Amino acid sequence: MPSYEFTVSVRTQYLPEQSDPERTSFVFTYSITIKNTGTVAAQLISRHWVITDANNHVEEVRGLGVVGHQPLLAPGEQFEYTSGAALQTQQGSMVGEYFCVAEDGHQFEAKIPEFVLSLPRTLH
């Protein structure tokens, strides 16, 4: 029986050189690895993000593909990309899903687990 699954993992980084705390602009990058852990080749078609800052300001982002790509992944293959987000607070979170279509026409969603964007902790 075929299985349809992409597994998503995330790494984040704060970019102090692109941020401007005096203007409440905090810039982060996130690196995403998408792996086809199913048994059928499938293509990532579009994305949906929900970005929430510490003031509960919510921004939704929808679009085709990721960083200009709609990767087709055979079972076991993975695709990695890096993108960014700017928040008005020092901390926030992102969660979402990718909409995918398998080569047999089956449509499915790959959940992106919620992750935190936060300034690194400093020791005093």
N, C-alpha and C. Protein backbone atom coordinates (compact mmCIF):
# COMPACT_ATOMS: atom_id res chain seq x y z
N MET A 1 0.85 -1.19 0.00
CA MET A 1 0.00 0.00 0.00
C MET A 1 0.89 1.25 0.00
N PRO A 2 0.65 2.18 -0.89
CA PRO A 2 1.51 3.37 -0.95
C PRO A 2 1.34 4.26 0.28
N SER A 3 2.43 4.93 0.65
CA SER A 3 2.34 5.92 1.74
C SER A 3 2.85 7.26 1.21
N TYR A 4 2.22 8.33 1.71
CA TYR A 4 2.51 9.68 1.24
C TYR A 4 2.94 10.50 2.44
N GLU A 5 4.22 10.81 2.52
CA GLU A 5 4.69 11.54 3.69
C GLU A 5 5.99 12.28 3.38
N PHE A 6 6.01 13.55 3.71
CA PHE A 6 7.23 14.34 3.75
C PHE A 6 7.50 14.65 5.21
N THR A 7 8.74 14.50 5.65
CA THR A 7 9.14 14.87 7.00
C THR A 7 9.93 16.17 6.91
N VAL A 8 9.59 17.11 7.78
CA VAL A 8 10.17 18.45 7.73
C VAL A 8 10.95 18.73 9.01
N SER A 9 12.20 19.19 8.86
CA SER A 9 12.98 19.62 10.03
C SER A 9 13.50 21.04 9.77
N VAL A 10 13.74 21.77 10.87
CA VAL A 10 14.04 23.20 10.78
C VAL A 10 15.20 23.57 11.70
N ARG A 11 16.07 24.47 11.18
CA ARG A 11 17.10 25.12 11.99
C ARG A 11 16.91 26.63 11.83
N THR A 12 17.06 27.38 12.91
CA THR A 12 16.86 28.84 12.85
C THR A 12 18.12 29.57 13.29
N GLN A 13 18.21 30.84 12.87
CA GLN A 13 19.34 31.67 13.26
C GLN A 13 18.89 33.13 13.27
N TYR A 14 19.33 33.87 14.28
CA TYR A 14 19.08 35.31 14.36
C TYR A 14 20.18 36.03 13.60
N LEU A 15 19.82 37.06 12.84
CA LEU A 15 20.78 37.82 12.05
C LEU A 15 20.93 39.25 12.61
N PRO A 16 21.82 39.43 13.58
CA PRO A 16 21.95 40.77 14.19
C PRO A 16 22.38 41.83 13.19
N GLU A 17 23.19 41.45 12.19
CA GLU A 17 23.68 42.44 11.23
C GLU A 17 22.58 42.98 10.32
N GLN A 18 21.47 42.25 10.19
CA GLN A 18 20.35 42.72 9.36
C GLN A 18 19.19 43.26 10.20
N SER A 19 19.32 43.14 11.51
CA SER A 19 18.26 43.58 12.41
C SER A 19 18.51 45.01 12.87
N ASP A 20 17.45 45.67 13.31
CA ASP A 20 17.54 47.03 13.84
C ASP A 20 16.61 47.14 15.05
N PRO A 21 17.12 46.70 16.23
CA PRO A 21 16.26 46.69 17.42
C PRO A 21 15.63 48.05 17.74
N GLU A 22 16.34 49.16 17.44
CA GLU A 22 15.77 50.49 17.73
C GLU A 22 14.54 50.75 16.89
N ARG A 23 14.43 50.09 15.74
CA ARG A 23 13.25 50.23 14.87
C ARG A 23 12.35 48.99 14.97
N THR A 24 12.53 48.23 16.03
CA THR A 24 11.79 46.98 16.28
C THR A 24 11.74 46.10 15.03
N SER A 25 12.91 45.83 14.47
CA SER A 25 13.03 44.93 13.35
C SER A 25 14.05 43.85 13.70
N PHE A 26 13.58 42.61 13.80
CA PHE A 26 14.42 41.48 14.18
C PHE A 26 14.34 40.45 13.05
N VAL A 27 15.49 40.18 12.42
CA VAL A 27 15.52 39.34 11.23
C VAL A 27 16.10 37.97 11.57
N PHE A 28 15.44 36.94 11.08
CA PHE A 28 15.83 35.55 11.33
C PHE A 28 15.89 34.80 10.01
N THR A 29 16.76 33.79 9.95
CA THR A 29 16.70 32.83 8.84
C THR A 29 16.22 31.50 9.40
N TYR A 30 15.64 30.72 8.52
CA TYR A 30 15.28 29.35 8.88
C TYR A 30 15.69 28.47 7.71
N SER A 31 16.36 27.37 8.05
CA SER A 31 16.77 26.38 7.06
C SER A 31 15.89 25.16 7.22
N ILE A 32 15.26 24.78 6.13
CA ILE A 32 14.28 23.69 6.15
C ILE A 32 14.81 22.52 5.34
N THR A 33 14.68 21.33 5.90
CA THR A 33 14.97 20.10 5.16
C THR A 33 13.66 19.34 5.02
N ILE A 34 13.31 19.05 3.77
CA ILE A 34 12.09 18.30 3.46
C ILE A 34 12.53 16.95 2.90
N LYS A 35 12.13 15.87 3.55
CA LYS A 35 12.52 14.53 3.10
C LYS A 35 11.28 13.72 2.76
N ASN A 36 11.32 13.05 1.63
CA ASN A 36 10.20 12.17 1.26
C ASN A 36 10.39 10.86 2.01
N THR A 37 9.60 10.69 3.08
CA THR A 37 9.67 9.48 3.89
C THR A 37 8.54 8.52 3.53
N GLY A 38 7.85 8.83 2.44
CA GLY A 38 6.80 7.94 1.95
C GLY A 38 7.36 6.96 0.93
N THR A 39 6.45 6.28 0.22
CA THR A 39 6.87 5.26 -0.75
C THR A 39 6.59 5.66 -2.20
N VAL A 40 6.07 6.88 -2.40
CA VAL A 40 5.71 7.35 -3.74
C VAL A 40 6.38 8.71 -3.98
N ALA A 41 6.96 8.89 -5.16
CA ALA A 41 7.53 10.19 -5.52
C ALA A 41 6.43 11.25 -5.47
N ALA A 42 6.77 12.44 -4.99
CA ALA A 42 5.78 13.50 -4.86
C ALA A 42 6.45 14.86 -5.04
N GLN A 43 5.62 15.84 -5.42
CA GLN A 43 6.12 17.18 -5.67
C GLN A 43 5.49 18.16 -4.70
N LEU A 44 6.33 19.05 -4.14
CA LEU A 44 5.84 20.13 -3.31
C LEU A 44 5.31 21.21 -4.25
N ILE A 45 4.04 21.55 -4.10
CA ILE A 45 3.39 22.50 -5.00
C ILE A 45 3.31 23.90 -4.39
N SER A 46 2.88 23.99 -3.13
CA SER A 46 2.71 25.30 -2.51
C SER A 46 2.92 25.22 -1.01
N ARG A 47 2.96 26.41 -0.40
CA ARG A 47 3.23 26.51 1.04
C ARG A 47 2.21 27.44 1.69
N HIS A 48 2.02 27.22 2.98
CA HIS A 48 1.18 28.09 3.81
C HIS A 48 1.87 28.24 5.16
N TRP A 49 2.18 29.48 5.52
CA TRP A 49 2.82 29.78 6.80
C TRP A 49 1.91 30.63 7.67
N VAL A 50 1.98 30.41 8.98
CA VAL A 50 1.37 31.30 9.96
C VAL A 50 2.52 31.77 10.86
N ILE A 51 2.79 33.08 10.80
CA ILE A 51 3.90 33.67 11.54
C ILE A 51 3.30 34.54 12.64
N THR A 52 3.68 34.28 13.88
CA THR A 52 3.12 35.00 15.03
C THR A 52 4.26 35.60 15.84
N ASP A 53 4.18 36.92 16.14
CA ASP A 53 5.22 37.52 16.97
C ASP A 53 4.77 37.54 18.43
N ALA A 54 5.63 38.07 19.30
CA ALA A 54 5.34 38.04 20.74
C ALA A 54 4.16 38.94 21.12
N ASN A 55 3.74 39.84 20.24
CA ASN A 55 2.56 40.68 20.49
C ASN A 55 1.29 40.05 19.91
N ASN A 56 1.39 38.78 19.52
CA ASN A 56 0.27 38.06 18.89
C ASN A 56 -0.17 38.66 17.56
N HIS A 57 0.74 39.38 16.90
CA HIS A 57 0.48 39.84 15.53
C HIS A 57 0.70 38.64 14.62
N VAL A 58 -0.33 38.30 13.83
CA VAL A 58 -0.27 37.11 12.98
C VAL A 58 -0.20 37.54 11.51
N GLU A 59 0.71 36.91 10.79
CA GLU A 59 0.81 37.12 9.35
C GLU A 59 0.73 35.75 8.68
N GLU A 60 -0.13 35.64 7.67
CA GLU A 60 -0.23 34.40 6.90
C GLU A 60 0.42 34.61 5.54
N VAL A 61 1.19 33.62 5.12
CA VAL A 61 1.87 33.68 3.83
C VAL A 61 1.51 32.42 3.05
N ARG A 62 1.06 32.63 1.82
CA ARG A 62 0.77 31.52 0.92
C ARG A 62 1.50 31.77 -0.39
N GLY A 63 1.94 30.71 -1.02
CA GLY A 63 2.60 30.89 -2.30
C GLY A 63 2.96 29.58 -2.94
N LEU A 64 3.31 29.65 -4.22
CA LEU A 64 3.73 28.46 -4.94
C LEU A 64 5.16 28.10 -4.57
N GLY A 65 5.41 26.83 -4.38
CA GLY A 65 6.76 26.33 -4.16
C GLY A 65 7.46 26.94 -2.96
N VAL A 66 8.78 26.76 -2.95
CA VAL A 66 9.64 27.32 -1.91
C VAL A 66 10.88 27.87 -2.60
N VAL A 67 11.25 29.10 -2.29
CA VAL A 67 12.39 29.81 -2.88
C VAL A 67 12.50 29.56 -4.40
N GLY A 68 11.36 29.67 -5.09
CA GLY A 68 11.35 29.53 -6.54
C GLY A 68 11.39 28.11 -7.07
N HIS A 69 11.27 27.13 -6.20
CA HIS A 69 11.33 25.72 -6.62
C HIS A 69 10.06 24.99 -6.22
N GLN A 70 9.72 23.98 -7.00
CA GLN A 70 8.66 23.02 -6.66
C GLN A 70 9.29 21.64 -6.77
N PRO A 71 10.10 21.28 -5.75
CA PRO A 71 10.90 20.06 -5.87
C PRO A 71 10.06 18.79 -5.97
N LEU A 72 10.50 17.91 -6.88
CA LEU A 72 9.93 16.57 -7.01
C LEU A 72 10.89 15.62 -6.31
N LEU A 73 10.40 14.95 -5.27
CA LEU A 73 11.26 14.10 -4.44
C LEU A 73 10.86 12.64 -4.55
N ALA A 74 11.79 11.81 -4.97
CA ALA A 74 11.58 10.36 -4.94
C ALA A 74 11.67 9.90 -3.49
N PRO A 75 11.14 8.72 -3.18
CA PRO A 75 11.27 8.20 -1.81
C PRO A 75 12.73 8.24 -1.36
N GLY A 76 12.96 8.80 -0.17
CA GLY A 76 14.31 8.89 0.39
C GLY A 76 15.05 10.15 0.00
N GLU A 77 14.60 10.86 -1.01
CA GLU A 77 15.28 12.10 -1.41
C GLU A 77 14.86 13.25 -0.50
N GLN A 78 15.75 14.27 -0.43
CA GLN A 78 15.42 15.43 0.36
C GLN A 78 15.82 16.70 -0.37
N PHE A 79 15.21 17.81 0.07
CA PHE A 79 15.46 19.13 -0.50
C PHE A 79 15.66 20.06 0.67
N GLU A 80 16.69 20.91 0.60
CA GLU A 80 16.95 21.86 1.68
C GLU A 80 16.98 23.27 1.11
N TYR A 81 16.41 24.20 1.86
CA TYR A 81 16.47 25.60 1.45
C TYR A 81 16.50 26.48 2.69
N THR A 82 16.94 27.73 2.47
CA THR A 82 16.98 28.71 3.55
C THR A 82 16.19 29.93 3.13
N SER A 83 15.38 30.43 4.03
CA SER A 83 14.60 31.64 3.79
C SER A 83 14.65 32.49 5.05
N GLY A 84 13.87 33.55 5.09
CA GLY A 84 13.95 34.44 6.25
C GLY A 84 12.62 35.05 6.60
N ALA A 85 12.60 35.63 7.79
CA ALA A 85 11.42 36.33 8.29
C ALA A 85 11.89 37.48 9.17
N ALA A 86 11.15 38.59 9.10
CA ALA A 86 11.42 39.74 9.97
C ALA A 86 10.24 39.91 10.92
N LEU A 87 10.56 40.03 12.19
CA LEU A 87 9.54 40.22 13.21
C LEU A 87 9.70 41.59 13.85
N GLN A 88 8.63 42.08 14.47
CA GLN A 88 8.69 43.34 15.21
C GLN A 88 9.00 43.11 16.68
N THR A 89 9.15 41.85 17.07
CA THR A 89 9.49 41.51 18.45
C THR A 89 10.70 40.58 18.45
N GLN A 90 11.31 40.41 19.63
CA GLN A 90 12.52 39.60 19.75
C GLN A 90 12.24 38.11 19.65
N GLN A 91 10.97 37.74 19.69
CA GLN A 91 10.63 36.33 19.63
C GLN A 91 9.31 36.15 18.89
N GLY A 92 9.19 35.01 18.23
CA GLY A 92 7.96 34.67 17.55
C GLY A 92 7.98 33.20 17.19
N SER A 93 6.99 32.79 16.42
CA SER A 93 6.94 31.39 16.01
C SER A 93 6.38 31.29 14.60
N MET A 94 6.67 30.16 13.96
CA MET A 94 6.14 29.85 12.64
C MET A 94 5.63 28.43 12.63
N VAL A 95 4.57 28.20 11.89
CA VAL A 95 4.00 26.88 11.71
C VAL A 95 3.31 26.88 10.35
N GLY A 96 3.14 25.72 9.76
CA GLY A 96 2.46 25.72 8.47
C GLY A 96 2.39 24.34 7.85
N GLU A 97 2.19 24.35 6.51
CA GLU A 97 2.14 23.09 5.79
C GLU A 97 2.52 23.33 4.34
N TYR A 98 3.00 22.25 3.75
CA TYR A 98 3.25 22.22 2.32
C TYR A 98 2.15 21.38 1.68
N PHE A 99 1.67 21.82 0.53
CA PHE A 99 0.68 21.05 -0.22
C PHE A 99 1.43 20.31 -1.31
N CYS A 100 1.22 19.01 -1.38
CA CYS A 100 2.01 18.14 -2.25
C CYS A 100 1.09 17.28 -3.11
N VAL A 101 1.63 16.86 -4.26
CA VAL A 101 0.92 15.95 -5.16
C VAL A 101 1.87 14.82 -5.52
N ALA A 102 1.43 13.59 -5.26
CA ALA A 102 2.24 12.42 -5.60
C ALA A 102 2.11 12.13 -7.09
N GLU A 103 3.07 11.37 -7.62
CA GLU A 103 3.07 11.10 -9.05
C GLU A 103 1.85 10.29 -9.50
N ASP A 104 1.16 9.64 -8.55
CA ASP A 104 -0.07 8.93 -8.91
C ASP A 104 -1.31 9.81 -8.78
N GLY A 105 -1.10 11.12 -8.51
CA GLY A 105 -2.21 12.07 -8.42
C GLY A 105 -2.75 12.31 -7.03
N HIS A 106 -2.34 11.50 -6.05
CA HIS A 106 -2.82 11.67 -4.67
C HIS A 106 -2.30 12.99 -4.10
N GLN A 107 -3.19 13.76 -3.48
CA GLN A 107 -2.80 15.03 -2.86
C GLN A 107 -2.71 14.85 -1.36
N PHE A 108 -1.71 15.50 -0.75
CA PHE A 108 -1.55 15.41 0.70
C PHE A 108 -0.86 16.66 1.22
N GLU A 109 -0.94 16.86 2.53
CA GLU A 109 -0.26 17.97 3.19
C GLU A 109 0.90 17.43 4.01
N ALA A 110 2.01 18.16 3.98
CA ALA A 110 3.13 17.86 4.86
C ALA A 110 3.17 18.95 5.92
N LYS A 111 2.93 18.58 7.16
CA LYS A 111 2.90 19.55 8.26
C LYS A 111 4.30 20.04 8.57
N ILE A 112 4.42 21.34 8.78
CA ILE A 112 5.67 21.95 9.24
C ILE A 112 5.49 22.18 10.74
N PRO A 113 6.27 21.48 11.56
CA PRO A 113 6.09 21.63 13.00
C PRO A 113 6.39 23.06 13.44
N GLU A 114 5.66 23.52 14.45
CA GLU A 114 5.90 24.87 14.95
C GLU A 114 7.33 25.00 15.46
N PHE A 115 7.96 26.11 15.13
CA PHE A 115 9.30 26.40 15.64
C PHE A 115 9.37 27.85 16.08
N VAL A 116 10.32 28.12 16.98
CA VAL A 116 10.46 29.43 17.59
C VAL A 116 11.59 30.19 16.92
N LEU A 117 11.34 31.47 16.67
CA LEU A 117 12.37 32.41 16.25
C LEU A 117 12.65 33.28 17.47
N SER A 118 13.91 33.28 17.93
CA SER A 118 14.22 33.99 19.16
C SER A 118 15.66 34.45 19.17
N LEU A 119 15.89 35.60 19.78
CA LEU A 119 17.27 36.06 19.97
C LEU A 119 17.99 35.06 20.84
N PRO A 120 19.29 34.86 20.57
CA PRO A 120 20.05 33.96 21.44
C PRO A 120 20.07 34.50 22.87
N ARG A 121 20.05 33.61 23.81
CA ARG A 121 20.11 34.05 25.21
C ARG A 121 21.52 34.53 25.52
N THR A 122 21.58 35.60 26.30
CA THR A 122 22.89 36.13 26.68
C THR A 122 23.10 35.91 28.16
N LEU A 123 24.32 35.59 28.53
CA LEU A 123 24.66 35.39 29.94
C LEU A 123 25.14 36.71 30.53
N HIS A 124 24.74 36.97 31.76
CA HIS A 124 25.16 38.21 32.44
C HIS A 124 26.19 37.89 33.50
